[in-house]
C-alpha cells in the first residue's frame, strides 16, 4: 500500500529532485515552480520563504543520501568503512549525480 503524502511533502520531493538536477546557482522561484507544477506563490505559501524552501529541500536530499547509505550497509554487512567510503565517492562522482 502506497503512503499518501501531503501536498507539501510531494512538493518538497519535487523541489529536491529539481535541485539535484539543476543545482542552487541562480535559483529562481518562477522556473522552479513551473518545473514542479505549481506557482511561486504556492511555494512561498508552503515554505514561508525561499530560504526555508532551500533548507527543507537540502534536508530532504540529506535524508535520501542517509537512506541510500543505510540500504547499502544492510546489503553489505561485512563491509569496512573504507568500502562504504569508496561506494559513497563512486556514487557522488558519477556523472548523473
N, C-alpha and C. Protein backbone atom coordinates (compact mmCIF):
# COMPACT_ATOMS: atom_id res chain seq x y z
N UNK A 1 0.84 -1.19 0.00
CA UNK A 1 0.00 0.00 0.00
C UNK A 1 0.88 1.25 0.00
N UNK A 2 0.63 2.15 -0.91
CA UNK A 2 1.42 3.37 -1.03
C UNK A 2 1.09 4.33 0.11
N UNK A 3 2.12 5.02 0.56
CA UNK A 3 1.95 6.02 1.61
C UNK A 3 1.50 7.32 0.98
N UNK A 4 0.43 7.89 1.51
CA UNK A 4 -0.05 9.18 0.99
C UNK A 4 0.78 10.31 1.57
N UNK A 5 1.21 11.18 0.70
CA UNK A 5 1.98 12.33 1.12
C UNK A 5 1.11 13.57 1.06
N UNK A 6 1.37 14.49 1.94
CA UNK A 6 0.67 15.77 1.91
C UNK A 6 1.13 16.53 0.67
N UNK A 7 0.35 17.53 0.25
CA UNK A 7 0.79 18.35 -0.89
C UNK A 7 2.16 18.98 -0.65
N UNK A 8 2.43 19.39 0.58
CA UNK A 8 3.73 19.99 0.90
C UNK A 8 4.85 18.96 0.75
N UNK A 9 4.63 17.74 1.23
CA UNK A 9 5.64 16.68 1.11
C UNK A 9 5.91 16.34 -0.35
N UNK A 10 4.86 16.24 -1.13
CA UNK A 10 5.02 15.95 -2.56
C UNK A 10 5.78 17.08 -3.26
N UNK A 11 5.45 18.30 -2.91
CA UNK A 11 6.14 19.45 -3.49
C UNK A 11 7.60 19.48 -3.06
N UNK A 12 7.86 19.20 -1.80
CA UNK A 12 9.24 19.16 -1.29
C UNK A 12 10.06 18.12 -2.05
N UNK A 13 9.48 16.98 -2.30
CA UNK A 13 10.17 15.94 -3.06
C UNK A 13 10.49 16.42 -4.47
N UNK A 14 9.54 17.08 -5.10
CA UNK A 14 9.76 17.61 -6.45
C UNK A 14 10.83 18.70 -6.45
N UNK A 15 10.83 19.55 -5.42
CA UNK A 15 11.84 20.60 -5.32
C UNK A 15 13.22 19.97 -5.13
N UNK A 16 13.31 18.95 -4.29
CA UNK A 16 14.59 18.27 -4.08
C UNK A 16 15.09 17.67 -5.40
N UNK A 17 14.19 17.03 -6.14
CA UNK A 17 14.57 16.49 -7.46
C UNK A 17 15.11 17.59 -8.37
N UNK A 18 14.42 18.72 -8.38
CA UNK A 18 14.84 19.85 -9.21
C UNK A 18 16.23 20.34 -8.81
N UNK A 19 16.46 20.49 -7.50
CA UNK A 19 17.77 20.97 -7.05
C UNK A 19 18.87 19.98 -7.38
N UNK A 20 18.58 18.69 -7.26
CA UNK A 20 19.58 17.68 -7.62
C UNK A 20 19.91 17.75 -9.10
N UNK A 21 18.95 18.06 -9.91
CA UNK A 21 19.15 18.14 -11.35
C UNK A 21 19.79 19.46 -11.78
N UNK A 22 19.41 20.56 -11.13
CA UNK A 22 19.80 21.90 -11.60
C UNK A 22 20.73 22.67 -10.68
N UNK A 23 20.89 22.24 -9.46
CA UNK A 23 21.74 22.93 -8.51
C UNK A 23 21.08 24.17 -7.94
N UNK A 24 21.85 24.87 -7.10
CA UNK A 24 21.33 26.06 -6.42
C UNK A 24 21.74 27.37 -7.10
N UNK A 25 22.76 27.32 -7.93
CA UNK A 25 23.23 28.55 -8.57
C UNK A 25 22.11 29.18 -9.38
N UNK A 26 21.90 30.44 -9.18
CA UNK A 26 20.88 31.20 -9.92
C UNK A 26 19.46 30.65 -9.74
N UNK A 27 19.19 30.05 -8.60
CA UNK A 27 17.85 29.50 -8.35
C UNK A 27 16.82 30.63 -8.32
N UNK A 28 15.79 30.47 -9.12
CA UNK A 28 14.70 31.43 -9.20
C UNK A 28 13.39 30.69 -8.96
N UNK A 29 12.50 31.30 -8.21
CA UNK A 29 11.26 30.61 -7.86
C UNK A 29 10.35 30.34 -9.05
N UNK A 30 10.29 31.23 -10.01
CA UNK A 30 9.36 31.02 -11.13
C UNK A 30 9.71 29.77 -11.96
N UNK A 31 10.98 29.62 -12.38
CA UNK A 31 11.31 28.39 -13.12
C UNK A 31 11.16 27.14 -12.24
N UNK A 32 11.52 27.25 -10.97
CA UNK A 32 11.35 26.13 -10.05
C UNK A 32 9.88 25.75 -9.94
N UNK A 33 9.04 26.74 -9.76
CA UNK A 33 7.60 26.49 -9.64
C UNK A 33 7.07 25.84 -10.91
N UNK A 34 7.45 26.37 -12.04
CA UNK A 34 6.99 25.82 -13.32
C UNK A 34 7.42 24.36 -13.47
N UNK A 35 8.66 24.07 -13.12
CA UNK A 35 9.19 22.70 -13.25
C UNK A 35 8.53 21.73 -12.28
N UNK A 36 8.02 22.24 -11.17
CA UNK A 36 7.40 21.37 -10.17
C UNK A 36 5.87 21.40 -10.22
N UNK A 37 5.33 22.07 -11.22
CA UNK A 37 3.89 22.05 -11.42
C UNK A 37 3.09 22.90 -10.45
N UNK A 38 3.67 24.00 -10.01
CA UNK A 38 2.97 24.87 -9.08
C UNK A 38 3.30 26.32 -9.44
N UNK A 39 3.05 27.23 -8.53
CA UNK A 39 3.36 28.63 -8.74
C UNK A 39 4.33 29.10 -7.66
N UNK A 40 5.03 30.21 -7.93
CA UNK A 40 5.95 30.77 -6.94
C UNK A 40 5.17 31.13 -5.67
N UNK A 41 3.97 31.58 -5.84
CA UNK A 41 3.13 31.95 -4.69
C UNK A 41 2.85 30.73 -3.80
N UNK A 42 2.58 29.57 -4.41
CA UNK A 42 2.32 28.36 -3.63
C UNK A 42 3.58 27.85 -2.95
N UNK A 43 4.74 28.04 -3.58
CA UNK A 43 5.99 27.66 -2.92
C UNK A 43 6.16 28.46 -1.63
N UNK A 44 5.93 29.75 -1.70
CA UNK A 44 6.03 30.60 -0.52
C UNK A 44 4.95 30.23 0.50
N UNK A 45 3.75 29.93 0.03
CA UNK A 45 2.68 29.52 0.94
C UNK A 45 3.10 28.29 1.74
N UNK A 46 3.66 27.29 1.07
CA UNK A 46 4.02 26.04 1.73
C UNK A 46 5.28 26.13 2.58
N UNK A 47 6.22 27.00 2.20
CA UNK A 47 7.51 27.02 2.88
C UNK A 47 7.83 28.33 3.60
N UNK A 48 7.07 29.36 3.36
CA UNK A 48 7.26 30.61 4.08
C UNK A 48 8.25 31.58 3.43
N UNK A 49 9.32 31.04 2.89
CA UNK A 49 10.33 31.88 2.24
C UNK A 49 11.19 31.01 1.32
N UNK A 50 11.90 31.66 0.43
CA UNK A 50 12.80 30.94 -0.46
C UNK A 50 13.90 30.25 0.37
N UNK A 51 14.38 30.94 1.39
CA UNK A 51 15.42 30.38 2.24
C UNK A 51 14.95 29.11 2.95
N UNK A 52 13.73 29.12 3.49
CA UNK A 52 13.19 27.95 4.18
C UNK A 52 12.98 26.81 3.18
N UNK A 53 12.55 27.14 1.98
CA UNK A 53 12.37 26.14 0.93
C UNK A 53 13.70 25.43 0.64
N UNK A 54 14.77 26.21 0.52
CA UNK A 54 16.08 25.63 0.25
C UNK A 54 16.55 24.76 1.42
N UNK A 55 16.40 25.25 2.63
CA UNK A 55 16.81 24.48 3.81
C UNK A 55 16.05 23.16 3.88
N UNK A 56 14.74 23.22 3.70
CA UNK A 56 13.93 21.99 3.76
C UNK A 56 14.28 21.02 2.64
N UNK A 57 14.53 21.56 1.44
CA UNK A 57 14.90 20.69 0.31
C UNK A 57 16.26 20.04 0.55
N UNK A 58 17.20 20.79 1.09
CA UNK A 58 18.52 20.21 1.38
C UNK A 58 18.41 19.14 2.47
N UNK A 59 17.53 19.35 3.45
CA UNK A 59 17.28 18.31 4.46
C UNK A 59 16.72 17.05 3.81
N UNK A 60 15.80 17.22 2.87
CA UNK A 60 15.22 16.09 2.14
C UNK A 60 16.31 15.34 1.37
N UNK A 61 17.19 16.07 0.73
CA UNK A 61 18.28 15.45 -0.03
C UNK A 61 19.20 14.68 0.91
N UNK A 62 19.54 15.26 2.06
CA UNK A 62 20.38 14.55 3.03
C UNK A 62 19.69 13.29 3.54
N UNK A 63 18.38 13.35 3.77
CA UNK A 63 17.63 12.17 4.19
C UNK A 63 17.72 11.07 3.13
N UNK A 64 17.62 11.44 1.88
CA UNK A 64 17.74 10.47 0.79
C UNK A 64 19.13 9.83 0.78
N UNK A 65 20.15 10.65 0.98
CA UNK A 65 21.51 10.13 1.00
C UNK A 65 21.72 9.17 2.18
N UNK A 66 21.18 9.54 3.34
CA UNK A 66 21.29 8.65 4.51
C UNK A 66 20.61 7.32 4.25
N UNK A 67 19.44 7.35 3.64
CA UNK A 67 18.72 6.12 3.35
C UNK A 67 19.48 5.27 2.34
N UNK A 68 20.07 5.89 1.35
CA UNK A 68 20.89 5.17 0.38
C UNK A 68 22.04 4.47 1.09
N UNK A 69 22.72 5.16 2.01
CA UNK A 69 23.82 4.56 2.76
C UNK A 69 23.32 3.42 3.64
N UNK A 70 22.18 3.61 4.30
CA UNK A 70 21.62 2.54 5.14
C UNK A 70 21.32 1.28 4.32
N UNK A 71 20.73 1.46 3.15
CA UNK A 71 20.43 0.31 2.29
C UNK A 71 21.71 -0.39 1.86
N UNK A 72 22.72 0.38 1.52
CA UNK A 72 23.97 -0.22 1.09
C UNK A 72 24.59 -1.00 2.25
N UNK A 73 24.59 -0.41 3.44
CA UNK A 73 25.17 -1.08 4.61
C UNK A 73 24.42 -2.37 4.92
N UNK A 74 23.09 -2.34 4.86
CA UNK A 74 22.30 -3.56 5.11
C UNK A 74 22.62 -4.64 4.09
N UNK A 75 22.88 -4.24 2.87
CA UNK A 75 23.19 -5.20 1.81
C UNK A 75 24.64 -5.67 1.82
N UNK A 76 25.48 -5.04 2.61
CA UNK A 76 26.91 -5.38 2.69
C UNK A 76 27.34 -5.42 4.16
N UNK A 77 26.81 -6.38 4.93
CA UNK A 77 27.07 -6.38 6.38
C UNK A 77 28.55 -6.54 6.76
N UNK A 78 29.37 -7.12 5.89
CA UNK A 78 30.78 -7.32 6.21
C UNK A 78 31.67 -6.19 5.69
N UNK A 79 31.06 -5.16 5.12
CA UNK A 79 31.83 -4.08 4.52
C UNK A 79 32.57 -3.27 5.57
N UNK A 80 33.71 -2.77 5.18
CA UNK A 80 34.51 -1.91 6.05
C UNK A 80 34.11 -0.45 5.81
N UNK A 81 34.61 0.41 6.66
CA UNK A 81 34.40 1.85 6.45
C UNK A 81 35.01 2.28 5.11
N UNK A 82 36.15 1.72 4.79
CA UNK A 82 36.79 2.02 3.50
C UNK A 82 35.88 1.64 2.33
N UNK A 83 35.21 0.48 2.44
CA UNK A 83 34.27 0.06 1.40
C UNK A 83 33.12 1.06 1.26
N UNK A 84 32.58 1.49 2.39
CA UNK A 84 31.47 2.44 2.38
C UNK A 84 31.92 3.77 1.76
N UNK A 85 33.08 4.23 2.14
CA UNK A 85 33.58 5.49 1.58
C UNK A 85 33.81 5.37 0.08
N UNK A 86 34.32 4.23 -0.36
CA UNK A 86 34.51 4.00 -1.80
C UNK A 86 33.16 4.04 -2.52
N UNK A 87 32.16 3.36 -1.95
CA UNK A 87 30.82 3.38 -2.54
C UNK A 87 30.29 4.81 -2.60
N UNK A 88 30.41 5.53 -1.48
CA UNK A 88 29.89 6.90 -1.42
C UNK A 88 30.57 7.79 -2.46
N UNK A 89 31.89 7.70 -2.55
CA UNK A 89 32.60 8.54 -3.52
C UNK A 89 32.22 8.17 -4.94
N UNK A 90 32.10 6.88 -5.22
CA UNK A 90 31.71 6.43 -6.57
C UNK A 90 30.34 6.98 -6.93
N UNK A 91 29.42 6.98 -5.98
CA UNK A 91 28.08 7.48 -6.23
C UNK A 91 28.10 9.00 -6.45
N UNK A 92 28.80 9.70 -5.58
CA UNK A 92 28.86 11.16 -5.68
C UNK A 92 29.53 11.61 -6.97
N UNK A 93 30.58 10.90 -7.37
CA UNK A 93 31.35 11.29 -8.55
C UNK A 93 30.72 10.84 -9.87
N UNK A 94 29.68 10.03 -9.80
CA UNK A 94 29.04 9.57 -11.03
C UNK A 94 28.44 10.76 -11.78
N UNK A 95 28.56 10.78 -13.09
CA UNK A 95 28.06 11.92 -13.88
C UNK A 95 26.59 12.26 -13.61
N UNK A 96 25.77 11.25 -13.38
CA UNK A 96 24.34 11.53 -13.16
C UNK A 96 24.05 12.13 -11.78
N UNK A 97 25.05 12.19 -10.91
CA UNK A 97 24.84 12.77 -9.58
C UNK A 97 25.58 14.09 -9.46
